[in-house]
């Protein structure tokens, strides 16, 4: 996994990240967007486009939001 969308996205779902993604790897879930780890090319355009600063490199996700890494994985294992 390269990038993970975390708690600030919940309830906002601005979609700025979706609009700038060159490979269309961001998918809408019920409460937030999710980045497909198998499709993401790591360009980081989504991180700069996010108005609520919800997107982090997997290695830089703040401790309080680390559970979003697993939440993201689970979304794509359905």
PDB file of N, CA and C in Angstrom:
ATOM      1  N   UNK A   1       0.854  -1.173   0.000  1.00  0.00           N
ATOM      2  CA  UNK A   1       0.000   0.000   0.000  1.00  0.00           C
ATOM      3  C   UNK A   1       0.893   1.226   0.000  1.00  0.00           C
ATOM      4  N   UNK A   2       0.476   2.262  -0.683  1.00  0.00           N
ATOM      5  CA  UNK A   2       1.297   3.455  -0.762  1.00  0.00           C
ATOM      6  C   UNK A   2       0.672   4.596   0.034  1.00  0.00           C
ATOM      7  N   UNK A   3      -0.550   4.952  -0.265  1.00  0.00           N
ATOM      8  CA  UNK A   3      -1.216   6.039   0.442  1.00  0.00           C
ATOM      9  C   UNK A   3      -2.501   5.550   1.093  1.00  0.00           C
ATOM     10  N   UNK A   4      -2.855   6.197   2.217  1.00  0.00           N
ATOM     11  CA  UNK A   4      -4.025   5.807   2.997  1.00  0.00           C
ATOM     12  C   UNK A   4      -4.835   7.064   3.310  1.00  0.00           C
ATOM     13  N   UNK A   5      -6.146   6.959   3.157  1.00  0.00           N
ATOM     14  CA  UNK A   5      -7.043   8.069   3.512  1.00  0.00           C
ATOM     15  C   UNK A   5      -7.535   7.814   4.932  1.00  0.00           C
ATOM     16  N   UNK A   6      -7.459   8.848   5.768  1.00  0.00           N
ATOM     17  CA  UNK A   6      -7.751   8.694   7.188  1.00  0.00           C
ATOM     18  C   UNK A   6      -8.981   9.487   7.628  1.00  0.00           C
ATOM     19  N   UNK A   7      -9.175   9.561   8.924  1.00  0.00           N
ATOM     20  CA  UNK A   7     -10.387  10.098   9.551  1.00  0.00           C
ATOM     21  C   UNK A   7     -10.884  11.461   9.050  1.00  0.00           C
ATOM     22  N   UNK A   8     -10.025  12.427   8.764  1.00  0.00           N
ATOM     23  CA  UNK A   8     -10.562  13.718   8.324  1.00  0.00           C
ATOM     24  C   UNK A   8     -11.465  13.646   7.086  1.00  0.00           C
ATOM     25  N   UNK A   9     -11.363  12.568   6.320  1.00  0.00           N
ATOM     26  CA  UNK A   9     -12.208  12.404   5.126  1.00  0.00           C
ATOM     27  C   UNK A   9     -13.642  12.027   5.480  1.00  0.00           C
ATOM     28  N   UNK A  10     -13.826  11.355   6.602  1.00  0.00           N
ATOM     29  CA  UNK A  10     -15.157  10.857   6.952  1.00  0.00           C
ATOM     30  C   UNK A  10     -16.139  12.006   7.080  1.00  0.00           C
ATOM     31  N   UNK A  11     -17.241  11.875   6.350  1.00  0.00           N
ATOM     32  CA  UNK A  11     -18.282  12.889   6.363  1.00  0.00           C
ATOM     33  C   UNK A  11     -18.027  14.053   5.423  1.00  0.00           C
ATOM     34  N   UNK A  12     -16.804  14.150   4.885  1.00  0.00           N
ATOM     35  CA  UNK A  12     -16.476  15.264   3.993  1.00  0.00           C
ATOM     36  C   UNK A  12     -16.549  14.802   2.545  1.00  0.00           C
ATOM     37  N   UNK A  13     -15.772  13.767   2.234  1.00  0.00           N
ATOM     38  CA  UNK A  13     -15.729  13.200   0.890  1.00  0.00           C
ATOM     39  C   UNK A  13     -15.742  14.276  -0.190  1.00  0.00           C
ATOM     40  N   UNK A  14     -14.762  15.155  -0.160  1.00  0.00           N
ATOM     41  CA  UNK A  14     -14.640  16.279  -1.080  1.00  0.00           C
ATOM     42  C   UNK A  14     -14.438  15.862  -2.536  1.00  0.00           C
ATOM     43  N   UNK A  15     -13.740  14.797  -2.790  1.00  0.00           N
ATOM     44  CA  UNK A  15     -13.463  14.230  -4.119  1.00  0.00           C
ATOM     45  C   UNK A  15     -12.381  14.954  -4.896  1.00  0.00           C
ATOM     46  N   UNK A  16     -11.717  15.927  -4.302  1.00  0.00           N
ATOM     47  CA  UNK A  16     -10.597  16.578  -4.990  1.00  0.00           C
ATOM     48  C   UNK A  16      -9.514  15.561  -5.327  1.00  0.00           C
ATOM     49  N   UNK A  17      -9.305  14.617  -4.438  1.00  0.00           N
ATOM     50  CA  UNK A  17      -8.298  13.582  -4.666  1.00  0.00           C
ATOM     51  C   UNK A  17      -8.655  12.721  -5.874  1.00  0.00           C
ATOM     52  N   UNK A  18      -9.919  12.411  -6.013  1.00  0.00           N
ATOM     53  CA  UNK A  18     -10.391  11.584  -7.126  1.00  0.00           C
ATOM     54  C   UNK A  18     -10.141  12.294  -8.459  1.00  0.00           C
ATOM     55  N   UNK A  19     -10.384  13.588  -8.474  1.00  0.00           N
ATOM     56  CA  UNK A  19     -10.237  14.369  -9.700  1.00  0.00           C
ATOM     57  C   UNK A  19      -8.796  14.450 -10.201  1.00  0.00           C
ATOM     58  N   UNK A  20      -7.816  14.424  -9.299  1.00  0.00           N
ATOM     59  CA  UNK A  20      -6.416  14.564  -9.726  1.00  0.00           C
ATOM     60  C   UNK A  20      -5.693  13.244  -9.924  1.00  0.00           C
ATOM     61  N   UNK A  21      -6.288  12.146  -9.504  1.00  0.00           N
ATOM     62  CA  UNK A  21      -5.616  10.842  -9.592  1.00  0.00           C
ATOM     63  C   UNK A  21      -5.460  10.418 -11.059  1.00  0.00           C
ATOM     64  N   UNK A  22      -4.217  10.255 -11.535  1.00  0.00           N
ATOM     65  CA  UNK A  22      -4.012   9.911 -12.945  1.00  0.00           C
ATOM     66  C   UNK A  22      -4.343   8.463 -13.297  1.00  0.00           C
ATOM     67  N   UNK A  23      -4.490   7.587 -12.300  1.00  0.00           N
ATOM     68  CA  UNK A  23      -4.782   6.186 -12.586  1.00  0.00           C
ATOM     69  C   UNK A  23      -6.144   5.735 -12.056  1.00  0.00           C
ATOM     70  N   UNK A  24      -6.932   6.671 -11.561  1.00  0.00           N
ATOM     71  CA  UNK A  24      -8.274   6.367 -11.064  1.00  0.00           C
ATOM     72  C   UNK A  24      -8.287   5.218 -10.050  1.00  0.00           C
ATOM     73  N   UNK A  25      -7.431   5.339  -9.028  1.00  0.00           N
ATOM     74  CA  UNK A  25      -7.338   4.264  -8.036  1.00  0.00           C
ATOM     75  C   UNK A  25      -8.052   4.612  -6.724  1.00  0.00           C
ATOM     76  N   UNK A  26      -8.807   5.710  -6.708  1.00  0.00           N
ATOM     77  CA  UNK A  26      -9.515   6.123  -5.499  1.00  0.00           C
ATOM     78  C   UNK A  26     -10.996   5.819  -5.668  1.00  0.00           C
ATOM     79  N   UNK A  27     -11.524   5.056  -4.711  1.00  0.00           N
ATOM     80  CA  UNK A  27     -12.898   4.579  -4.796  1.00  0.00           C
ATOM     81  C   UNK A  27     -13.733   5.103  -3.633  1.00  0.00           C
ATOM     82  N   UNK A  28     -14.994   5.355  -3.910  1.00  0.00           N
ATOM     83  CA  UNK A  28     -15.892   5.872  -2.888  1.00  0.00           C
ATOM     84  C   UNK A  28     -16.506   4.743  -2.081  1.00  0.00           C
ATOM     85  N   UNK A  29     -16.374   4.854  -0.766  1.00  0.00           N
ATOM     86  CA  UNK A  29     -17.019   3.930   0.149  1.00  0.00           C
ATOM     87  C   UNK A  29     -18.200   4.631   0.792  1.00  0.00           C
ATOM     88  N   UNK A  30     -18.828   3.957   1.711  1.00  0.00           N
ATOM     89  CA  UNK A  30     -20.004   4.520   2.366  1.00  0.00           C
ATOM     90  C   UNK A  30     -19.682   5.785   3.155  1.00  0.00           C
ATOM     91  N   UNK A  31     -18.569   5.775   3.881  1.00  0.00           N
ATOM     92  CA  UNK A  31     -18.258   6.910   4.743  1.00  0.00           C
ATOM     93  C   UNK A  31     -17.032   7.712   4.336  1.00  0.00           C
ATOM     94  N   UNK A  32     -16.221   7.182   3.408  1.00  0.00           N
ATOM     95  CA  UNK A  32     -15.011   7.880   2.990  1.00  0.00           C
ATOM     96  C   UNK A  32     -14.528   7.318   1.658  1.00  0.00           C
ATOM     97  N   UNK A  33     -13.440   7.896   1.129  1.00  0.00           N
ATOM     98  CA  UNK A  33     -12.790   7.363  -0.070  1.00  0.00           C
ATOM     99  C   UNK A  33     -11.678   6.419   0.348  1.00  0.00           C
ATOM    100  N   UNK A  34     -11.303   5.516  -0.570  1.00  0.00           N
ATOM    101  CA  UNK A  34     -10.261   4.534  -0.322  1.00  0.00           C
ATOM    102  C   UNK A  34      -9.337   4.476  -1.529  1.00  0.00           C
ATOM    103  N   UNK A  35      -8.045   4.277  -1.265  1.00  0.00           N
ATOM    104  CA  UNK A  35      -7.050   4.182  -2.334  1.00  0.00           C
ATOM    105  C   UNK A  35      -6.685   2.714  -2.522  1.00  0.00           C
ATOM    106  N   UNK A  36      -6.847   2.222  -3.747  1.00  0.00           N
ATOM    107  CA  UNK A  36      -6.534   0.829  -4.039  1.00  0.00           C
ATOM    108  C   UNK A  36      -5.011   0.658  -4.052  1.00  0.00           C
ATOM    109  N   UNK A  37      -4.469  -0.136  -3.132  1.00  0.00           N
ATOM    110  CA  UNK A  37      -3.021  -0.278  -3.037  1.00  0.00           C
ATOM    111  C   UNK A  37      -2.379  -0.969  -4.239  1.00  0.00           C
ATOM    112  N   UNK A  38      -3.148  -1.758  -4.962  1.00  0.00           N
ATOM    113  CA  UNK A  38      -2.608  -2.444  -6.130  1.00  0.00           C
ATOM    114  C   UNK A  38      -2.589  -1.556  -7.369  1.00  0.00           C
ATOM    115  N   UNK A  39      -3.349  -0.480  -7.345  1.00  0.00           N
ATOM    116  CA  UNK A  39      -3.442   0.408  -8.500  1.00  0.00           C
ATOM    117  C   UNK A  39      -2.676   1.718  -8.323  1.00  0.00           C
ATOM    118  N   UNK A  40      -2.444   2.117  -7.077  1.00  0.00           N
ATOM    119  CA  UNK A  40      -1.776   3.388  -6.785  1.00  0.00           C
ATOM    120  C   UNK A  40      -0.334   3.365  -7.293  1.00  0.00           C
ATOM    121  N   UNK A  41       0.076   4.431  -7.984  1.00  0.00           N
ATOM    122  CA  UNK A  41       1.443   4.516  -8.505  1.00  0.00           C
ATOM    123  C   UNK A  41       2.337   5.392  -7.621  1.00  0.00           C
ATOM    124  N   UNK A  42       1.794   5.915  -6.528  1.00  0.00           N
ATOM    125  CA  UNK A  42       2.596   6.682  -5.584  1.00  0.00           C
ATOM    126  C   UNK A  42       2.969   8.081  -6.036  1.00  0.00           C
ATOM    127  N   UNK A  43       2.170   8.677  -6.890  1.00  0.00           N
ATOM    128  CA  UNK A  43       2.504  10.004  -7.426  1.00  0.00           C
ATOM    129  C   UNK A  43       2.311  11.125  -6.403  1.00  0.00           C
ATOM    130  N   UNK A  44       1.516  10.910  -5.393  1.00  0.00           N
ATOM    131  CA  UNK A  44       1.206  11.843  -4.296  1.00  0.00           C
ATOM    132  C   UNK A  44       0.366  13.052  -4.690  1.00  0.00           C
ATOM    133  N   UNK A  45      -0.201  13.073  -5.877  1.00  0.00           N
ATOM    134  CA  UNK A  45      -1.074  14.178  -6.261  1.00  0.00           C
ATOM    135  C   UNK A  45      -2.285  14.286  -5.342  1.00  0.00           C
ATOM    136  N   UNK A  46      -2.766  13.160  -4.876  1.00  0.00           N
ATOM    137  CA  UNK A  46      -3.933  13.154  -3.995  1.00  0.00           C
ATOM    138  C   UNK A  46      -3.645  13.860  -2.668  1.00  0.00           C
ATOM    139  N   UNK A  47      -2.430  13.705  -2.164  1.00  0.00           N
ATOM    140  CA  UNK A  47      -2.100  14.309  -0.870  1.00  0.00           C
ATOM    141  C   UNK A  47      -2.159  15.826  -0.923  1.00  0.00           C
ATOM    142  N   UNK A  48      -1.710  16.400  -2.010  1.00  0.00           N
ATOM    143  CA  UNK A  48      -1.727  17.863  -2.130  1.00  0.00           C
ATOM    144  C   UNK A  48      -3.112  18.399  -2.466  1.00  0.00           C
ATOM    145  N   UNK A  49      -3.947  17.568  -3.082  1.00  0.00           N
ATOM    146  CA  UNK A  49      -5.288  18.006  -3.461  1.00  0.00           C
ATOM    147  C   UNK A  49      -6.299  17.924  -2.317  1.00  0.00           C
ATOM    148  N   UNK A  50      -6.023  17.122  -1.319  1.00  0.00           N
ATOM    149  CA  UNK A  50      -6.975  16.903  -0.227  1.00  0.00           C
ATOM    150  C   UNK A  50      -7.112  18.152   0.650  1.00  0.00           C
ATOM    151  N   UNK A  51      -8.306  18.745   0.695  1.00  0.00           N
ATOM    152  CA  UNK A  51      -8.487  19.976   1.465  1.00  0.00           C
ATOM    153  C   UNK A  51      -8.514  19.772   2.984  1.00  0.00           C
ATOM    154  N   UNK A  52      -8.672  18.532   3.436  1.00  0.00           N
ATOM    155  CA  UNK A  52      -8.721  18.266   4.879  1.00  0.00           C
ATOM    156  C   UNK A  52      -7.482  17.512   5.370  1.00  0.00           C
ATOM    157  N   UNK A  53      -6.489  17.365   4.497  1.00  0.00           N
ATOM    158  CA  UNK A  53      -5.223  16.708   4.846  1.00  0.00           C
ATOM    159  C   UNK A  53      -5.444  15.330   5.474  1.00  0.00           C
ATOM    160  N   UNK A  54      -6.220  14.519   4.775  1.00  0.00           N
ATOM    161  CA  UNK A  54      -6.564  13.186   5.271  1.00  0.00           C
ATOM    162  C   UNK A  54      -5.711  12.078   4.679  1.00  0.00           C
ATOM    163  N   UNK A  55      -4.868  12.385   3.696  1.00  0.00           N
ATOM    164  CA  UNK A  55      -4.135  11.352   2.976  1.00  0.00           C
ATOM    165  C   UNK A  55      -2.663  11.363   3.378  1.00  0.00           C
ATOM    166  N   UNK A  56      -2.185  10.161   3.751  1.00  0.00           N
ATOM    167  CA  UNK A  56      -0.806  10.012   4.200  1.00  0.00           C
ATOM    168  C   UNK A  56      -0.142   8.828   3.521  1.00  0.00           C
ATOM    169  N   UNK A  57       1.159   8.923   3.355  1.00  0.00           N
ATOM    170  CA  UNK A  57       1.943   7.761   2.988  1.00  0.00           C
ATOM    171  C   UNK A  57       1.752   6.746   4.113  1.00  0.00           C
ATOM    172  N   UNK A  58       1.659   5.492   3.769  1.00  0.00           N
ATOM    173  CA  UNK A  58       1.403   4.456   4.773  1.00  0.00           C
ATOM    174  C   UNK A  58       2.379   4.532   5.947  1.00  0.00           C
ATOM    175  N   UNK A  59       3.619   4.840   5.682  1.00  0.00           N
ATOM    176  CA  UNK A  59       4.630   4.913   6.736  1.00  0.00           C
ATOM    177  C   UNK A  59       4.532   6.171   7.589  1.00  0.00           C
ATOM    178  N   UNK A  60       3.710   7.130   7.175  1.00  0.00           N
ATOM    179  CA  UNK A  60       3.603   8.402   7.889  1.00  0.00           C
ATOM    180  C   UNK A  60       2.226   8.663   8.504  1.00  0.00           C
ATOM    181  N   UNK A  61       1.365   7.662   8.483  1.00  0.00           N
ATOM    182  CA  UNK A  61       0.036   7.816   9.084  1.00  0.00           C
ATOM    183  C   UNK A  61       0.220   8.048  10.589  1.00  0.00           C
ATOM    184  N   UNK A  62      -0.382   9.117  11.118  1.00  0.00           N
ATOM    185  CA  UNK A  62      -0.275   9.362  12.566  1.00  0.00           C
ATOM    186  C   UNK A  62      -0.781   8.161  13.370  1.00  0.00           C
ATOM    187  N   UNK A  63      -0.172   7.942  14.497  1.00  0.00           N
ATOM    188  CA  UNK A  63      -0.504   6.787  15.344  1.00  0.00           C
ATOM    189  C   UNK A  63      -2.001   6.668  15.611  1.00  0.00           C
ATOM    190  N   UNK A  64      -2.659   7.798  15.886  1.00  0.00           N
ATOM    191  CA  UNK A  64      -4.087   7.758  16.210  1.00  0.00           C
ATOM    192  C   UNK A  64      -4.956   7.283  15.045  1.00  0.00           C
ATOM    193  N   UNK A  65      -4.416   7.295  13.829  1.00  0.00           N
ATOM    194  CA  UNK A  65      -5.181   6.868  12.652  1.00  0.00           C
ATOM    195  C   UNK A  65      -4.583   5.635  11.980  1.00  0.00           C
ATOM    196  N   UNK A  66      -3.675   4.941  12.637  1.00  0.00           N
ATOM    197  CA  UNK A  66      -3.023   3.774  12.038  1.00  0.00           C
ATOM    198  C   UNK A  66      -4.028   2.676  11.670  1.00  0.00           C
ATOM    199  N   UNK A  67      -5.151   2.600  12.377  1.00  0.00           N
ATOM    200  CA  UNK A  67      -6.143   1.566  12.065  1.00  0.00           C
ATOM    201  C   UNK A  67      -6.775   1.762  10.681  1.00  0.00           C
ATOM    202  N   UNK A  68      -6.616   2.944  10.101  1.00  0.00           N
ATOM    203  CA  UNK A  68      -7.146   3.179   8.753  1.00  0.00           C
ATOM    204  C   UNK A  68      -6.370   2.413   7.692  1.00  0.00           C
ATOM    205  N   UNK A  69      -5.154   2.012   8.006  1.00  0.00           N
ATOM    206  CA  UNK A  69      -4.388   1.184   7.072  1.00  0.00           C
ATOM    207  C   UNK A  69      -5.117  -0.140   6.867  1.00  0.00           C
ATOM    208  N   UNK A  70      -5.520  -0.760   7.945  1.00  0.00           N
ATOM    209  CA  UNK A  70      -6.251  -2.027   7.853  1.00  0.00           C
ATOM    210  C   UNK A  70      -7.654  -1.819   7.275  1.00  0.00           C
ATOM    211  N   UNK A  71      -8.286  -0.717   7.628  1.00  0.00           N
ATOM    212  CA  UNK A  71      -9.625  -0.413   7.087  1.00  0.00           C
ATOM    213  C   UNK A  71      -9.546  -0.311   5.569  1.00  0.00           C
ATOM    214  N   UNK A  72      -8.489   0.317   5.068  1.00  0.00           N
ATOM    215  CA  UNK A  72      -8.308   0.450   3.626  1.00  0.00           C
ATOM    216  C   UNK A  72      -8.100  -0.924   2.974  1.00  0.00           C
ATOM    217  N   UNK A  73      -7.248  -1.741   3.570  1.00  0.00           N
ATOM    218  CA  UNK A  73      -7.012  -3.089   3.034  1.00  0.00           C
ATOM    219  C   UNK A  73      -8.312  -3.896   2.985  1.00  0.00           C
ATOM    220  N   UNK A  74      -9.067  -3.824   4.078  1.00  0.00           N
ATOM    221  CA  UNK A  74     -10.308  -4.575   4.165  1.00  0.00           C
ATOM    222  C   UNK A  74     -11.317  -4.157   3.108  1.00  0.00           C
ATOM    223  N   UNK A  75     -11.346  -2.880   2.785  1.00  0.00           N
ATOM    224  CA  UNK A  75     -12.285  -2.379   1.756  1.00  0.00           C
ATOM    225  C   UNK A  75     -12.064  -3.087   0.418  1.00  0.00           C
ATOM    226  N   UNK A  76     -10.814  -3.343   0.083  1.00  0.00           N
ATOM    227  CA  UNK A  76     -10.510  -3.960  -1.207  1.00  0.00           C
ATOM    228  C   UNK A  76     -10.475  -5.484  -1.166  1.00  0.00           C
ATOM    229  N   UNK A  77     -10.702  -6.081  -0.016  1.00  0.00           N
ATOM    230  CA  UNK A  77     -10.743  -7.540   0.095  1.00  0.00           C
ATOM    231  C   UNK A  77     -12.164  -8.071   0.066  1.00  0.00           C
ATOM    232  N   UNK A  78     -13.117  -7.222  -0.206  1.00  0.00           N
ATOM    233  CA  UNK A  78     -14.536  -7.634  -0.244  1.00  0.00           C
ATOM    234  C   UNK A  78     -14.792  -8.571  -1.406  1.00  0.00           C
TER     235      UNK A  78
END
